[in-house]
Amino acid sequence: MKLKLEDAENAKKSGASAGSTGKKVITKVVFGSEMDRGRRRKDKPSETHDKSGQRIRYFPDDEKHSIKNMVHIFCTYVYSS
């Protein structure tokens, strides 16, 4: 990035002699945080209740693990320590 900036500055300095053609060269360095400003998108909220009002999940990733799998992970963790 620094090399590109230095090259642009050198081209700007040497462009002063080429300025007799009447053309201007405008250089702007934009960093990533400046480009992404205001463009973040949030994930869509997952549905926690069905149409009748019954709760179907507490967290968006509740369907990743079954209760049997969670009990197995818990027991493995508790009995291994």
Protein backbone atom coordinates (compact mmCIF):
# COMPACT_ATOMS: atom_id res chain seq x y z
CA MET A 1 0.00 0.00 0.00
CA LYS A 2 2.83 2.38 0.89
CA LEU A 3 4.58 1.61 -2.38
CA LYS A 4 1.44 2.42 -4.35
CA LEU A 5 1.07 5.68 -2.46
CA GLU A 6 4.71 6.60 -3.10
CA ASP A 7 4.35 5.73 -6.79
CA ALA A 8 1.25 7.90 -7.02
CA GLU A 9 3.07 10.80 -5.34
CA ASN A 10 6.04 10.38 -7.70
CA ALA A 11 3.71 10.29 -10.70
CA LYS A 12 2.02 13.43 -9.41
CA LYS A 13 5.37 15.22 -9.10
CA SER A 14 6.54 14.09 -12.52
CA GLY A 15 3.11 14.93 -13.93
CA ALA A 16 3.84 18.61 -13.35
CA SER A 17 6.00 18.60 -16.46
CA ALA A 18 3.27 16.75 -18.37
CA GLY A 19 0.77 19.33 -17.16
CA SER A 20 1.39 21.29 -20.34
CA THR A 21 -1.19 19.05 -22.04
CA GLY A 22 -3.84 20.54 -19.77
CA LYS A 23 -4.87 17.23 -18.17
CA LYS A 24 -4.99 16.77 -14.41
CA VAL A 25 -4.52 13.49 -12.60
CA ILE A 26 -6.39 13.17 -9.32
CA THR A 27 -5.30 10.41 -6.98
CA LYS A 28 -7.20 9.34 -3.89
CA VAL A 29 -6.26 6.44 -1.64
CA VAL A 30 -9.24 4.81 0.03
CA PHE A 31 -8.72 2.37 2.88
CA GLY A 32 -11.01 -0.61 3.52
CA SER A 33 -12.74 0.84 6.58
CA GLU A 34 -13.63 3.95 4.61
CA MET A 35 -15.14 1.92 1.77
CA ASP A 36 -17.26 -0.32 4.02
CA ARG A 37 -18.72 2.48 6.11
CA GLY A 38 -22.47 2.11 6.53
CA ARG A 39 -22.80 -1.01 4.40
CA ARG A 40 -23.02 -3.70 7.05
CA ARG A 41 -26.08 -5.88 6.91
CA LYS A 42 -27.51 -7.69 9.86
CA ASP A 43 -28.71 -11.25 9.63
CA LYS A 44 -32.43 -11.68 9.38
CA PRO A 45 -33.93 -12.50 12.76
CA SER A 46 -35.05 -16.08 13.00
CA GLU A 47 -38.59 -16.95 13.95
CA THR A 48 -38.92 -17.98 17.58
CA HIS A 49 -42.67 -18.55 17.64
CA ASP A 50 -45.05 -20.22 15.23
CA LYS A 51 -48.32 -18.70 14.04
CA SER A 52 -50.27 -20.02 17.02
CA GLY A 53 -47.85 -18.33 19.46
CA GLN A 54 -46.03 -21.46 20.61
CA ARG A 55 -42.30 -21.08 21.08
CA ILE A 56 -40.41 -23.21 18.59
CA ARG A 57 -36.83 -22.13 19.37
CA TYR A 58 -34.93 -19.86 21.73
CA PHE A 59 -31.84 -19.21 19.59
CA PRO A 60 -31.27 -19.23 15.82
CA ASP A 61 -28.92 -22.23 16.01
CA ASP A 62 -31.17 -24.45 18.12
CA GLU A 63 -31.59 -26.93 15.27
CA LYS A 64 -27.86 -27.65 15.04
CA HIS A 65 -27.84 -30.13 17.93
CA SER A 66 -30.33 -32.65 19.23
CA ILE A 67 -30.92 -33.06 22.95
CA LYS A 68 -29.29 -36.50 22.78
CA ASN A 69 -26.17 -34.94 21.24
CA MET A 70 -26.06 -32.13 23.83
CA VAL A 71 -26.37 -34.62 26.71
CA HIS A 72 -23.59 -36.69 25.20
CA ILE A 73 -21.32 -33.63 24.89
CA PHE A 74 -22.15 -32.54 28.45
CA CYS A 75 -21.50 -35.99 29.95
CA THR A 76 -18.25 -36.34 28.04
CA TYR A 77 -17.12 -32.97 29.35
CA VAL A 78 -18.16 -33.61 32.98
CA TYR A 79 -16.75 -37.12 33.25
CA SER A 80 -13.50 -36.33 31.46
CA SER A 81 -12.45 -33.70 34.01
